[in-house]
């Protein structure tokens, strides 16, 4: 969706199956989104800034303004406010 500020947070290795399923779901729904990488090897998921975004401190996470989803099944169901 044009004008949507969606950010998908994924592992630095974007090929994780959970991150990839979220990526594909958002792309299939034609939602515009950016990608931010979180380096799990460096422990970036435990840093305060990421802990504020992801309640589980895991990837993937999807952020839209002050709304966030932290699990790939929830992200896959996200409609961006549209009714399917």
PDB file of N, CA and C in Angstrom:
ATOM      1  N   UNK A   1       0.847  -1.179   0.000  1.00  0.00           N
ATOM      2  CA  UNK A   1       0.000   0.000   0.000  1.00  0.00           C
ATOM      3  C   UNK A   1       0.889   1.237   0.000  1.00  0.00           C
ATOM      4  N   UNK A   2       0.654   2.086  -0.923  1.00  0.00           N
ATOM      5  CA  UNK A   2       1.438   3.320  -0.987  1.00  0.00           C
ATOM      6  C   UNK A   2       1.200   4.140   0.263  1.00  0.00           C
ATOM      7  N   UNK A   3       2.270   4.742   0.767  1.00  0.00           N
ATOM      8  CA  UNK A   3       2.149   5.598   1.938  1.00  0.00           C
ATOM      9  C   UNK A   3       2.202   4.852   3.263  1.00  0.00           C
ATOM     10  N   UNK A   4       2.248   3.528   3.226  1.00  0.00           N
ATOM     11  CA  UNK A   4       2.327   2.759   4.464  1.00  0.00           C
ATOM     12  C   UNK A   4       3.779   2.723   4.921  1.00  0.00           C
ATOM     13  N   UNK A   5       3.989   2.910   6.200  1.00  0.00           N
ATOM     14  CA  UNK A   5       5.332   2.827   6.762  1.00  0.00           C
ATOM     15  C   UNK A   5       5.480   1.488   7.464  1.00  0.00           C
ATOM     16  N   UNK A   6       5.704   0.453   6.704  1.00  0.00           N
ATOM     17  CA  UNK A   6       5.897  -0.888   7.240  1.00  0.00           C
ATOM     18  C   UNK A   6       7.369  -1.234   7.174  1.00  0.00           C
ATOM     19  N   UNK A   7       7.869  -1.813   8.256  1.00  0.00           N
ATOM     20  CA  UNK A   7       9.255  -2.280   8.276  1.00  0.00           C
ATOM     21  C   UNK A   7       9.258  -3.720   8.768  1.00  0.00           C
ATOM     22  N   UNK A   8       9.868  -4.584   7.982  1.00  0.00           N
ATOM     23  CA  UNK A   8      10.026  -5.988   8.340  1.00  0.00           C
ATOM     24  C   UNK A   8      11.445  -6.185   8.851  1.00  0.00           C
ATOM     25  N   UNK A   9      11.569  -6.610  10.090  1.00  0.00           N
ATOM     26  CA  UNK A   9      12.869  -6.885  10.703  1.00  0.00           C
ATOM     27  C   UNK A   9      13.166  -8.364  10.539  1.00  0.00           C
ATOM     28  N   UNK A  10      14.318  -8.662   9.952  1.00  0.00           N
ATOM     29  CA  UNK A  10      14.719 -10.037   9.682  1.00  0.00           C
ATOM     30  C   UNK A  10      16.142 -10.247  10.176  1.00  0.00           C
ATOM     31  N   UNK A  11      16.539 -11.513  10.273  1.00  0.00           N
ATOM     32  CA  UNK A  11      17.914 -11.846  10.622  1.00  0.00           C
ATOM     33  C   UNK A  11      18.833 -11.328   9.519  1.00  0.00           C
ATOM     34  N   UNK A  12      20.054 -11.051   9.871  1.00  0.00           N
ATOM     35  CA  UNK A  12      21.027 -10.600   8.874  1.00  0.00           C
ATOM     36  C   UNK A  12      21.106 -11.606   7.723  1.00  0.00           C
ATOM     37  N   UNK A  13      20.838 -12.876   8.019  1.00  0.00           N
ATOM     38  CA  UNK A  13      20.724 -13.904   6.993  1.00  0.00           C
ATOM     39  C   UNK A  13      19.249 -13.966   6.603  1.00  0.00           C
ATOM     40  N   UNK A  14      18.869 -13.182   5.643  1.00  0.00           N
ATOM     41  CA  UNK A  14      17.455 -13.003   5.276  1.00  0.00           C
ATOM     42  C   UNK A  14      16.794 -14.294   4.809  1.00  0.00           C
ATOM     43  N   UNK A  15      17.567 -15.324   4.561  1.00  0.00           N
ATOM     44  CA  UNK A  15      17.004 -16.560   4.034  1.00  0.00           C
ATOM     45  C   UNK A  15      16.411 -17.472   5.094  1.00  0.00           C
ATOM     46  N   UNK A  16      16.289 -17.004   6.318  1.00  0.00           N
ATOM     47  CA  UNK A  16      15.609 -17.756   7.372  1.00  0.00           C
ATOM     48  C   UNK A  16      14.188 -18.063   6.898  1.00  0.00           C
ATOM     49  N   UNK A  17      13.693 -19.292   7.060  1.00  0.00           N
ATOM     50  CA  UNK A  17      12.362 -19.629   6.537  1.00  0.00           C
ATOM     51  C   UNK A  17      11.237 -18.797   7.154  1.00  0.00           C
ATOM     52  N   UNK A  18      11.372 -18.396   8.401  1.00  0.00           N
ATOM     53  CA  UNK A  18      10.331 -17.592   9.043  1.00  0.00           C
ATOM     54  C   UNK A  18      10.307 -16.180   8.452  1.00  0.00           C
ATOM     55  N   UNK A  19      11.487 -15.604   8.270  1.00  0.00           N
ATOM     56  CA  UNK A  19      11.572 -14.279   7.658  1.00  0.00           C
ATOM     57  C   UNK A  19      11.096 -14.335   6.215  1.00  0.00           C
ATOM     58  N   UNK A  20      11.464 -15.389   5.514  1.00  0.00           N
ATOM     59  CA  UNK A  20      11.071 -15.510   4.113  1.00  0.00           C
ATOM     60  C   UNK A  20       9.555 -15.661   3.978  1.00  0.00           C
ATOM     61  N   UNK A  21       8.921 -16.405   4.880  1.00  0.00           N
ATOM     62  CA  UNK A  21       7.460 -16.546   4.787  1.00  0.00           C
ATOM     63  C   UNK A  21       6.775 -15.205   5.024  1.00  0.00           C
ATOM     64  N   UNK A  22       7.290 -14.407   5.944  1.00  0.00           N
ATOM     65  CA  UNK A  22       6.720 -13.079   6.186  1.00  0.00           C
ATOM     66  C   UNK A  22       6.950 -12.179   4.974  1.00  0.00           C
ATOM     67  N   UNK A  23       8.144 -12.236   4.400  1.00  0.00           N
ATOM     68  CA  UNK A  23       8.462 -11.449   3.218  1.00  0.00           C
ATOM     69  C   UNK A  23       7.506 -11.788   2.073  1.00  0.00           C
ATOM     70  N   UNK A  24       7.320 -13.072   1.819  1.00  0.00           N
ATOM     71  CA  UNK A  24       6.450 -13.511   0.727  1.00  0.00           C
ATOM     72  C   UNK A  24       5.002 -13.103   0.985  1.00  0.00           C
ATOM     73  N   UNK A  25       4.522 -13.250   2.225  1.00  0.00           N
ATOM     74  CA  UNK A  25       3.145 -12.877   2.542  1.00  0.00           C
ATOM     75  C   UNK A  25       2.897 -11.391   2.295  1.00  0.00           C
ATOM     76  N   UNK A  26       3.824 -10.547   2.731  1.00  0.00           N
ATOM     77  CA  UNK A  26       3.669  -9.102   2.517  1.00  0.00           C
ATOM     78  C   UNK A  26       3.732  -8.755   1.030  1.00  0.00           C
ATOM     79  N   UNK A  27       4.653  -9.388   0.319  1.00  0.00           N
ATOM     80  CA  UNK A  27       4.788  -9.123  -1.116  1.00  0.00           C
ATOM     81  C   UNK A  27       3.548  -9.584  -1.873  1.00  0.00           C
ATOM     82  N   UNK A  28       3.013 -10.746  -1.524  1.00  0.00           N
ATOM     83  CA  UNK A  28       1.807 -11.261  -2.181  1.00  0.00           C
ATOM     84  C   UNK A  28       0.601 -10.351  -1.962  1.00  0.00           C
ATOM     85  N   UNK A  29       0.572  -9.701  -0.817  1.00  0.00           N
ATOM     86  CA  UNK A  29      -0.525  -8.764  -0.509  1.00  0.00           C
ATOM     87  C   UNK A  29      -0.268  -7.382  -1.093  1.00  0.00           C
ATOM     88  N   UNK A  30       0.859  -7.252  -1.768  1.00  0.00           N
ATOM     89  CA  UNK A  30       1.260  -5.992  -2.416  1.00  0.00           C
ATOM     90  C   UNK A  30       1.342  -4.835  -1.416  1.00  0.00           C
ATOM     91  N   UNK A  31       1.849  -5.140  -0.227  1.00  0.00           N
ATOM     92  CA  UNK A  31       2.073  -4.111   0.787  1.00  0.00           C
ATOM     93  C   UNK A  31       3.499  -3.588   0.636  1.00  0.00           C
ATOM     94  N   UNK A  32       3.647  -2.289   0.587  1.00  0.00           N
ATOM     95  CA  UNK A  32       4.980  -1.686   0.502  1.00  0.00           C
ATOM     96  C   UNK A  32       5.642  -1.767   1.877  1.00  0.00           C
ATOM     97  N   UNK A  33       6.881  -2.240   1.909  1.00  0.00           N
ATOM     98  CA  UNK A  33       7.583  -2.361   3.190  1.00  0.00           C
ATOM     99  C   UNK A  33       9.079  -2.265   2.971  1.00  0.00           C
ATOM    100  N   UNK A  34       9.752  -1.829   4.020  1.00  0.00           N
ATOM    101  CA  UNK A  34      11.198  -1.805   4.029  1.00  0.00           C
ATOM    102  C   UNK A  34      11.716  -2.970   4.853  1.00  0.00           C
ATOM    103  N   UNK A  35      12.987  -3.249   4.717  1.00  0.00           N
ATOM    104  CA  UNK A  35      13.614  -4.340   5.466  1.00  0.00           C
ATOM    105  C   UNK A  35      14.748  -3.785   6.310  1.00  0.00           C
ATOM    106  N   UNK A  36      14.780  -4.215   7.555  1.00  0.00           N
ATOM    107  CA  UNK A  36      15.890  -3.928   8.462  1.00  0.00           C
ATOM    108  C   UNK A  36      16.451  -5.263   8.920  1.00  0.00           C
ATOM    109  N   UNK A  37      17.753  -5.345   8.966  1.00  0.00           N
ATOM    110  CA  UNK A  37      18.395  -6.593   9.393  1.00  0.00           C
ATOM    111  C   UNK A  37      18.833  -6.507  10.847  1.00  0.00           C
ATOM    112  N   UNK A  38      18.644  -7.608  11.563  1.00  0.00           N
ATOM    113  CA  UNK A  38      19.034  -7.744  12.959  1.00  0.00           C
ATOM    114  C   UNK A  38      20.046  -8.885  13.013  1.00  0.00           C
ATOM    115  N   UNK A  39      21.254  -8.592  13.432  1.00  0.00           N
ATOM    116  CA  UNK A  39      22.300  -9.619  13.462  1.00  0.00           C
ATOM    117  C   UNK A  39      22.196 -10.426  14.755  1.00  0.00           C
ATOM    118  N   UNK A  40      21.628 -11.615  14.624  1.00  0.00           N
ATOM    119  CA  UNK A  40      21.436 -12.474  15.790  1.00  0.00           C
ATOM    120  C   UNK A  40      22.764 -12.954  16.367  1.00  0.00           C
ATOM    121  N   UNK A  41      23.770 -13.124  15.505  1.00  0.00           N
ATOM    122  CA  UNK A  41      25.085 -13.566  15.996  1.00  0.00           C
ATOM    123  C   UNK A  41      25.710 -12.544  16.925  1.00  0.00           C
ATOM    124  N   UNK A  42      25.393 -11.270  16.698  1.00  0.00           N
ATOM    125  CA  UNK A  42      25.929 -10.203  17.550  1.00  0.00           C
ATOM    126  C   UNK A  42      25.007  -9.883  18.725  1.00  0.00           C
ATOM    127  N   UNK A  43      23.874 -10.573  18.808  1.00  0.00           N
ATOM    128  CA  UNK A  43      22.948 -10.354  19.916  1.00  0.00           C
ATOM    129  C   UNK A  43      22.098  -9.098  19.788  1.00  0.00           C
ATOM    130  N   UNK A  44      21.966  -8.570  18.562  1.00  0.00           N
ATOM    131  CA  UNK A  44      21.214  -7.330  18.379  1.00  0.00           C
ATOM    132  C   UNK A  44      19.745  -7.459  18.793  1.00  0.00           C
ATOM    133  N   UNK A  45      19.211  -8.674  18.788  1.00  0.00           N
ATOM    134  CA  UNK A  45      17.817  -8.867  19.195  1.00  0.00           C
ATOM    135  C   UNK A  45      17.607  -8.588  20.683  1.00  0.00           C
ATOM    136  N   UNK A  46      18.667  -8.580  21.467  1.00  0.00           N
ATOM    137  CA  UNK A  46      18.561  -8.308  22.894  1.00  0.00           C
ATOM    138  C   UNK A  46      18.781  -6.849  23.263  1.00  0.00           C
ATOM    139  N   UNK A  47      19.121  -6.049  22.295  1.00  0.00           N
ATOM    140  CA  UNK A  47      19.360  -4.626  22.578  1.00  0.00           C
ATOM    141  C   UNK A  47      18.049  -3.912  22.846  1.00  0.00           C
ATOM    142  N   UNK A  48      18.113  -2.924  23.684  1.00  0.00           N
ATOM    143  CA  UNK A  48      16.925  -2.191  24.136  1.00  0.00           C
ATOM    144  C   UNK A  48      16.061  -1.688  22.980  1.00  0.00           C
ATOM    145  N   UNK A  49      16.683  -1.139  21.974  1.00  0.00           N
ATOM    146  CA  UNK A  49      15.916  -0.575  20.862  1.00  0.00           C
ATOM    147  C   UNK A  49      15.074  -1.654  20.171  1.00  0.00           C
ATOM    148  N   UNK A  50      15.623  -2.861  20.024  1.00  0.00           N
ATOM    149  CA  UNK A  50      14.856  -3.936  19.390  1.00  0.00           C
ATOM    150  C   UNK A  50      13.835  -4.543  20.352  1.00  0.00           C
ATOM    151  N   UNK A  51      14.188  -4.619  21.623  1.00  0.00           N
ATOM    152  CA  UNK A  51      13.240  -5.161  22.608  1.00  0.00           C
ATOM    153  C   UNK A  51      11.984  -4.305  22.685  1.00  0.00           C
ATOM    154  N   UNK A  52      12.095  -3.013  22.384  1.00  0.00           N
ATOM    155  CA  UNK A  52      10.903  -2.152  22.354  1.00  0.00           C
ATOM    156  C   UNK A  52      10.030  -2.452  21.143  1.00  0.00           C
ATOM    157  N   UNK A  53      10.610  -2.987  20.083  1.00  0.00           N
ATOM    158  CA  UNK A  53       9.870  -3.300  18.863  1.00  0.00           C
ATOM    159  C   UNK A  53       9.248  -4.684  18.885  1.00  0.00           C
ATOM    160  N   UNK A  54       9.957  -5.646  19.442  1.00  0.00           N
ATOM    161  CA  UNK A  54       9.529  -7.041  19.386  1.00  0.00           C
ATOM    162  C   UNK A  54       9.341  -7.598  20.789  1.00  0.00           C
ATOM    163  N   UNK A  55       8.112  -7.908  21.125  1.00  0.00           N
ATOM    164  CA  UNK A  55       7.814  -8.421  22.469  1.00  0.00           C
ATOM    165  C   UNK A  55       8.543  -9.737  22.745  1.00  0.00           C
ATOM    166  N   UNK A  56       8.817 -10.521  21.698  1.00  0.00           N
ATOM    167  CA  UNK A  56       9.506 -11.796  21.872  1.00  0.00           C
ATOM    168  C   UNK A  56      11.017 -11.683  21.690  1.00  0.00           C
ATOM    169  N   UNK A  57      11.487 -10.533  21.211  1.00  0.00           N
ATOM    170  CA  UNK A  57      12.908 -10.318  20.900  1.00  0.00           C
ATOM    171  C   UNK A  57      13.410 -11.313  19.855  1.00  0.00           C
ATOM    172  N   UNK A  58      12.517 -11.708  18.965  1.00  0.00           N
ATOM    173  CA  UNK A  58      12.871 -12.640  17.897  1.00  0.00           C
ATOM    174  C   UNK A  58      12.592 -11.991  16.552  1.00  0.00           C
ATOM    175  N   UNK A  59      13.087 -12.619  15.513  1.00  0.00           N
ATOM    176  CA  UNK A  59      12.772 -12.191  14.150  1.00  0.00           C
ATOM    177  C   UNK A  59      11.982 -13.299  13.477  1.00  0.00           C
ATOM    178  N   UNK A  60      11.120 -12.943  12.567  1.00  0.00           N
ATOM    179  CA  UNK A  60      10.849 -11.617  12.049  1.00  0.00           C
ATOM    180  C   UNK A  60       9.936 -10.824  12.980  1.00  0.00           C
ATOM    181  N   UNK A  61       9.942  -9.529  12.759  1.00  0.00           N
ATOM    182  CA  UNK A  61       8.995  -8.615  13.410  1.00  0.00           C
ATOM    183  C   UNK A  61       8.559  -7.609  12.355  1.00  0.00           C
ATOM    184  N   UNK A  62       7.305  -7.211  12.424  1.00  0.00           N
ATOM    185  CA  UNK A  62       6.774  -6.220  11.500  1.00  0.00           C
ATOM    186  C   UNK A  62       6.324  -5.022  12.303  1.00  0.00           C
ATOM    187  N   UNK A  63       6.765  -3.835  11.905  1.00  0.00           N
ATOM    188  CA  UNK A  63       6.434  -2.607  12.629  1.00  0.00           C
ATOM    189  C   UNK A  63       5.710  -1.660  11.683  1.00  0.00           C
ATOM    190  N   UNK A  64       4.603  -1.120  12.180  1.00  0.00           N
ATOM    191  CA  UNK A  64       3.816  -0.117  11.457  1.00  0.00           C
ATOM    192  C   UNK A  64       3.483   0.977  12.458  1.00  0.00           C
ATOM    193  N   UNK A  65       4.239   2.077  12.420  1.00  0.00           N
ATOM    194  CA  UNK A  65       4.053   3.130  13.419  1.00  0.00           C
ATOM    195  C   UNK A  65       4.398   2.604  14.795  1.00  0.00           C
ATOM    196  N   UNK A  66       3.436   2.679  15.723  1.00  0.00           N
ATOM    197  CA  UNK A  66       3.682   2.148  17.068  1.00  0.00           C
ATOM    198  C   UNK A  66       3.058   0.766  17.259  1.00  0.00           C
ATOM    199  N   UNK A  67       2.637   0.145  16.173  1.00  0.00           N
ATOM    200  CA  UNK A  67       2.069  -1.205  16.192  1.00  0.00           C
ATOM    201  C   UNK A  67       3.122  -2.189  15.711  1.00  0.00           C
ATOM    202  N   UNK A  68       3.268  -3.320  16.409  1.00  0.00           N
ATOM    203  CA  UNK A  68       4.259  -4.314  16.013  1.00  0.00           C
ATOM    204  C   UNK A  68       3.713  -5.728  16.169  1.00  0.00           C
ATOM    205  N   UNK A  69       4.124  -6.586  15.258  1.00  0.00           N
ATOM    206  CA  UNK A  69       3.827  -8.022  15.328  1.00  0.00           C
ATOM    207  C   UNK A  69       5.152  -8.759  15.406  1.00  0.00           C
ATOM    208  N   UNK A  70       5.196  -9.812  16.230  1.00  0.00           N
ATOM    209  CA  UNK A  70       6.483 -10.461  16.496  1.00  0.00           C
ATOM    210  C   UNK A  70       6.592 -11.907  16.065  1.00  0.00           C
ATOM    211  N   UNK A  71       5.604 -12.475  15.445  1.00  0.00           N
ATOM    212  CA  UNK A  71       5.674 -13.872  15.031  1.00  0.00           C
ATOM    213  C   UNK A  71       5.260 -13.987  13.575  1.00  0.00           C
ATOM    214  N   UNK A  72       5.933 -14.861  12.831  1.00  0.00           N
ATOM    215  CA  UNK A  72       5.647 -14.965  11.401  1.00  0.00           C
ATOM    216  C   UNK A  72       4.198 -15.332  11.095  1.00  0.00           C
ATOM    217  N   UNK A  73       3.521 -16.216  11.860  1.00  0.00           N
ATOM    218  CA  UNK A  73       2.112 -16.479  11.536  1.00  0.00           C
ATOM    219  C   UNK A  73       1.237 -15.223  11.657  1.00  0.00           C
ATOM    220  N   UNK A  74       1.506 -14.395  12.639  1.00  0.00           N
ATOM    221  CA  UNK A  74       0.746 -13.147  12.785  1.00  0.00           C
ATOM    222  C   UNK A  74       1.059 -12.183  11.649  1.00  0.00           C
ATOM    223  N   UNK A  75       2.326 -12.100  11.277  1.00  0.00           N
ATOM    224  CA  UNK A  75       2.728 -11.234  10.169  1.00  0.00           C
ATOM    225  C   UNK A  75       2.075 -11.719   8.874  1.00  0.00           C
ATOM    226  N   UNK A  76       2.033 -13.019   8.689  1.00  0.00           N
ATOM    227  CA  UNK A  76       1.440 -13.573   7.478  1.00  0.00           C
ATOM    228  C   UNK A  76      -0.047 -13.256   7.373  1.00  0.00           C
ATOM    229  N   UNK A  77      -0.712 -13.082   8.488  1.00  0.00           N
ATOM    230  CA  UNK A  77      -2.141 -12.742   8.501  1.00  0.00           C
ATOM    231  C   UNK A  77      -2.390 -11.232   8.414  1.00  0.00           C
ATOM    232  N   UNK A  78      -1.374 -10.439   8.601  1.00  0.00           N
ATOM    233  CA  UNK A  78      -1.513  -8.977   8.610  1.00  0.00           C
ATOM    234  C   UNK A  78      -2.026  -8.483   7.266  1.00  0.00           C
ATOM    235  N   UNK A  79      -3.013  -7.607   7.293  1.00  0.00           N
ATOM    236  CA  UNK A  79      -3.603  -7.108   6.056  1.00  0.00           C
ATOM    237  C   UNK A  79      -3.288  -5.650   5.796  1.00  0.00           C
ATOM    238  N   UNK A  80      -2.573  -4.992   6.686  1.00  0.00           N
ATOM    239  CA  UNK A  80      -2.264  -3.593   6.488  1.00  0.00           C
ATOM    240  C   UNK A  80      -3.476  -2.700   6.623  1.00  0.00           C
ATOM    241  N   UNK A  81      -4.487  -3.173   7.332  1.00  0.00           N
ATOM    242  CA  UNK A  81      -5.699  -2.385   7.547  1.00  0.00           C
ATOM    243  C   UNK A  81      -6.758  -2.618   6.482  1.00  0.00           C
ATOM    244  N   UNK A  82      -6.418  -3.419   5.464  1.00  0.00           N
ATOM    245  CA  UNK A  82      -7.386  -3.724   4.418  1.00  0.00           C
ATOM    246  C   UNK A  82      -8.211  -4.929   4.819  1.00  0.00           C
ATOM    247  N   UNK A  83      -9.429  -4.968   4.385  1.00  0.00           N
ATOM    248  CA  UNK A  83     -10.276  -6.126   4.597  1.00  0.00           C
ATOM    249  C   UNK A  83     -10.140  -7.012   3.374  1.00  0.00           C
ATOM    250  N   UNK A  84      -9.770  -8.262   3.587  1.00  0.00           N
ATOM    251  CA  UNK A  84      -9.570  -9.180   2.446  1.00  0.00           C
ATOM    252  C   UNK A  84     -10.883  -9.721   1.953  1.00  0.00           C
TER     253      UNK A  84
END
